[in-house]
Amino acid sequence: MKLIGAGSHPDRPQIDHDLIFTVPNFLTVLRFMGVPLFMWLVLAEREYGIAVVVLAVMASTDWVDGYVARRFNQASKLGRVMDPIADRLALIAVALTLVIAGVVHWLYLAALLVPDAVLLVLTLVFFRGHPDLPVSSVGKFRTGLLLLGTPLLVLSKLDVGFASGLFVAAWIILGLGLIGHWIAAYNYFWAILRKGRGHSTHDGGTA
């Protein structure tokens, strides 16, 4: 069973519809809503166990919304824009929360922010908005690793006998996720440059 691209039909082209009220978009909004709930649970209530459940739901919606969109032909232009934004918001907000809570060092947050900041500047320079690039398999795998490693790291803060093992496993997974994050950023960097230069050339030729 494949996890990335599950639900797709090789014999049927994927079309982004002008739809708003779809199940995938609802799940993406649900992922947005999970961010402040996670921050409140960790920073205000110190309820790490419940916070892990929220993270697990957020991580599952990231896979389920893509599956539903492909399987039931509910891919939309809005979802294509919202989904990566929800991923980034979740990863950065969760990392910021854990930095404030003293669970991770600020360098972890910096490792997430620097590539995204570079891509954001490049996108604004060339497109003044969303570059409309397809989500890469590396990017999706990266997100999965980071969303898996984070709850393990939170669980390691609980008073359990295997907390040290969880801590080690969490940082192995997060380390691989960060490597994937930088690889995905590198690939997006060149994809934005190629598309941006082609866009500029086209605009210049038709002016």
Protein backbone atom coordinates (compact mmCIF):
# COMPACT_ATOMS: atom_id res chain seq x y z
CA MET A 1 0.00 0.00 0.00
CA LYS A 2 1.53 3.32 -0.99
CA LEU A 3 1.22 6.24 1.41
CA ILE A 4 2.29 9.10 -0.85
CA GLY A 5 -0.19 9.62 -3.67
CA ALA A 6 -2.63 7.10 -2.22
CA GLY A 7 -6.09 7.25 -3.75
CA SER A 8 -4.90 8.52 -7.11
CA HIS A 9 -6.09 7.02 -10.38
CA PRO A 10 -3.24 6.68 -12.91
CA ASP A 11 -5.74 6.42 -15.78
CA ARG A 12 -7.61 9.59 -14.76
CA PRO A 13 -6.01 13.04 -14.92
CA GLN A 14 -6.15 15.08 -11.72
CA ILE A 15 -8.16 18.30 -12.14
CA ASP A 16 -8.19 21.18 -9.67
CA HIS A 17 -11.80 22.33 -9.44
CA ASP A 18 -13.11 25.75 -8.40
CA LEU A 19 -14.63 24.19 -5.29
CA ILE A 20 -14.61 25.58 -1.76
CA PHE A 21 -16.85 23.41 0.42
CA THR A 22 -15.15 20.03 0.08
CA VAL A 23 -14.15 17.37 2.59
CA PRO A 24 -10.40 17.90 1.96
CA ASN A 25 -10.75 21.66 2.51
CA PHE A 26 -12.71 21.03 5.71
CA LEU A 27 -9.92 18.75 6.97
CA THR A 28 -7.33 21.39 6.11
CA VAL A 29 -9.29 24.00 8.10
CA LEU A 30 -9.46 21.48 10.95
CA ARG A 31 -5.65 21.29 10.82
CA PHE A 32 -5.49 25.09 11.07
CA MET A 33 -7.73 24.97 14.16
CA GLY A 34 -5.54 22.36 15.80
CA VAL A 35 -2.61 24.78 15.99
CA PRO A 36 -3.98 27.20 18.66
CA LEU A 37 -5.47 24.26 20.56
CA PHE A 38 -2.05 22.56 20.71
CA MET A 39 -0.39 25.80 21.83
CA TRP A 40 -2.97 26.29 24.60
CA LEU A 41 -2.62 22.71 25.84
CA VAL A 42 1.18 22.87 26.05
CA LEU A 43 1.77 26.44 27.22
CA ALA A 44 -1.26 27.10 29.42
CA GLU A 45 -2.37 23.68 30.64
CA ARG A 46 0.83 21.59 30.38
CA GLU A 47 -1.39 18.76 29.14
CA TYR A 48 1.23 16.99 27.07
CA GLY A 49 -0.77 13.79 26.67
CA ILE A 50 -3.81 15.54 25.19
CA ALA A 51 -1.51 17.73 23.08
CA VAL A 52 -0.08 14.57 21.52
CA VAL A 53 -3.60 13.44 20.57
CA VAL A 54 -4.18 16.82 18.88
CA LEU A 55 -0.92 16.43 16.96
CA ALA A 56 -1.92 12.92 15.90
CA VAL A 57 -5.24 14.22 14.55
CA MET A 58 -3.46 17.04 12.71
CA ALA A 59 -0.98 14.59 11.18
CA SER A 60 -3.75 12.21 10.09
CA THR A 61 -5.73 14.98 8.39
CA ASP A 62 -2.64 15.87 6.34
CA TRP A 63 -2.74 12.39 4.77
CA VAL A 64 -6.53 11.89 4.72
CA ASP A 65 -7.35 15.16 2.92
CA GLY A 66 -4.95 14.29 0.09
CA TYR A 67 -6.36 10.78 -0.17
CA VAL A 68 -9.97 11.99 -0.29
CA ALA A 69 -9.12 14.67 -2.86
CA ARG A 70 -7.50 12.12 -5.19
CA ARG A 71 -9.87 9.22 -4.56
CA PHE A 72 -13.12 11.18 -4.93
CA ASN A 73 -11.95 13.84 -7.39
CA GLN A 74 -12.33 16.67 -4.86
CA ALA A 75 -9.02 18.41 -5.56
CA SER A 76 -9.52 22.17 -5.67
CA LYS A 77 -7.50 25.26 -6.45
CA LEU A 78 -8.20 26.56 -2.95
CA GLY A 79 -7.01 23.32 -1.39
CA ARG A 80 -3.85 23.38 -3.48
CA VAL A 81 -2.98 26.72 -1.87
CA MET A 82 -4.29 26.04 1.66
CA ASP A 83 -2.74 22.61 2.20
CA PRO A 84 0.96 23.61 2.10
CA ILE A 85 0.18 26.75 4.12
CA ALA A 86 -1.50 24.61 6.78
CA ASP A 87 1.51 22.29 6.82
CA ARG A 88 3.95 25.17 7.28
CA LEU A 89 1.82 26.89 9.91
CA ALA A 90 1.48 23.66 11.88
CA LEU A 91 5.20 22.83 11.77
CA ILE A 92 6.37 26.34 12.66
CA ALA A 93 3.73 27.03 15.33
CA VAL A 94 4.35 23.66 17.00
CA ALA A 95 8.11 24.26 16.93
CA LEU A 96 7.66 27.76 18.38
CA THR A 97 5.44 26.35 21.12
CA LEU A 98 8.03 23.74 22.06
CA VAL A 99 10.77 26.37 22.10
CA ILE A 100 8.74 28.54 24.49
CA ALA A 101 7.96 25.48 26.64
CA GLY A 102 11.67 24.62 26.80
CA VAL A 103 11.23 21.28 25.03
CA VAL A 104 13.48 22.09 22.06
CA HIS A 105 16.27 24.57 21.36
CA TRP A 106 15.59 27.64 19.23
CA LEU A 107 18.00 26.29 16.60
CA TYR A 108 15.36 23.71 15.69
CA LEU A 109 12.91 26.50 14.91
CA ALA A 110 15.60 28.34 12.93
CA ALA A 111 16.27 25.19 10.87
CA LEU A 112 12.60 25.22 9.86
CA LEU A 113 12.30 28.96 9.28
CA VAL A 114 15.42 29.77 7.25
CA PRO A 115 14.59 27.67 4.14
CA ASP A 116 10.95 28.82 4.19
CA ALA A 117 12.02 32.48 4.51
CA VAL A 118 14.31 32.15 1.49
CA LEU A 119 11.54 30.51 -0.56
CA LEU A 120 9.04 33.17 0.51
CA VAL A 121 11.32 36.01 -0.62
CA LEU A 122 12.02 34.25 -3.92
CA THR A 123 8.31 33.64 -4.49
CA LEU A 124 7.43 37.29 -3.84
CA VAL A 125 10.19 38.47 -6.19
CA PHE A 126 9.03 36.33 -9.11
CA PHE A 127 5.29 35.85 -8.59
CA ARG A 128 4.01 38.38 -6.02
CA GLY A 129 1.93 35.48 -4.72
CA HIS A 130 1.56 31.70 -4.77
CA PRO A 131 3.93 30.01 -7.28
CA ASP A 132 1.43 27.17 -7.93
CA LEU A 133 4.03 24.41 -7.83
CA PRO A 134 3.08 20.76 -7.24
CA VAL A 135 3.80 19.40 -3.77
CA SER A 136 6.84 17.14 -3.94
CA SER A 137 7.02 13.64 -2.49
CA VAL A 138 10.06 14.70 -0.47
CA GLY A 139 8.05 17.59 0.97
CA LYS A 140 5.17 15.34 1.99
CA PHE A 141 7.54 12.75 3.48
CA ARG A 142 9.34 15.53 5.36
CA THR A 143 6.08 16.78 6.82
CA GLY A 144 5.13 13.27 7.89
CA LEU A 145 8.45 12.75 9.68
CA LEU A 146 8.27 16.08 11.49
CA LEU A 147 4.66 15.50 12.52
CA LEU A 148 5.60 12.02 13.76
CA GLY A 149 8.75 13.05 15.63
CA THR A 150 7.12 16.00 17.41
CA PRO A 151 4.53 14.02 19.41
CA LEU A 152 7.20 11.49 20.36
CA LEU A 153 9.28 14.37 21.69
CA VAL A 154 6.31 15.71 23.64
CA LEU A 155 5.62 12.24 25.04
CA SER A 156 9.21 12.05 26.25
CA LYS A 157 8.35 14.88 28.68
CA LEU A 158 5.85 12.62 30.46
CA ASP A 159 6.88 10.73 33.59
CA VAL A 160 7.16 7.29 32.00
CA GLY A 161 9.89 4.68 32.23
CA PHE A 162 10.72 4.72 28.53
CA ALA A 163 10.91 8.51 28.20
CA SER A 164 14.63 8.44 27.33
CA GLY A 165 13.98 5.97 24.51
CA LEU A 166 11.19 8.17 23.16
CA PHE A 167 13.53 11.17 23.29
CA VAL A 168 16.20 9.40 21.22
CA ALA A 169 13.66 8.03 18.71
CA ALA A 170 12.03 11.46 18.38
CA TRP A 171 15.29 13.20 17.52
CA ILE A 172 16.28 10.53 15.00
CA ILE A 173 12.96 11.05 13.21
CA LEU A 174 13.12 14.84 13.54
CA GLY A 175 16.70 14.84 12.27
CA LEU A 176 15.64 12.93 9.16
CA GLY A 177 12.68 15.30 8.80
CA LEU A 178 14.96 18.34 8.91
CA ILE A 179 17.24 16.82 6.27
CA GLY A 180 14.15 16.26 4.12
CA HIS A 181 13.06 19.83 4.83
CA TRP A 182 16.28 21.25 3.43
CA ILE A 183 16.27 18.87 0.44
CA ALA A 184 12.67 19.85 -0.37
CA ALA A 185 13.58 23.53 0.00
CA TYR A 186 16.52 23.08 -2.37
CA ASN A 187 14.26 21.45 -4.96
CA TYR A 188 11.58 24.15 -4.58
CA PHE A 189 14.26 26.85 -4.84
CA TRP A 190 15.32 25.70 -8.30
CA ALA A 191 11.74 24.98 -9.38
CA ILE A 192 10.75 28.56 -8.46
CA LEU A 193 13.78 29.94 -10.31
CA ARG A 194 13.01 27.94 -13.45
CA LYS A 195 9.32 28.82 -13.48
CA GLY A 196 9.98 32.43 -12.49
CA ARG A 197 12.53 32.99 -15.24
CA GLY A 198 10.21 31.41 -17.78
CA HIS A 199 7.38 33.60 -16.55
CA SER A 200 9.56 36.73 -16.82
CA THR A 201 10.71 35.79 -20.31
CA HIS A 202 7.12 35.19 -21.44
CA ASP A 203 5.95 38.52 -20.02
CA GLY A 204 8.84 40.34 -21.63
CA GLY A 205 8.15 38.76 -25.00
CA THR A 206 4.49 39.71 -25.00
CA ALA A 207 4.86 43.23 -23.68
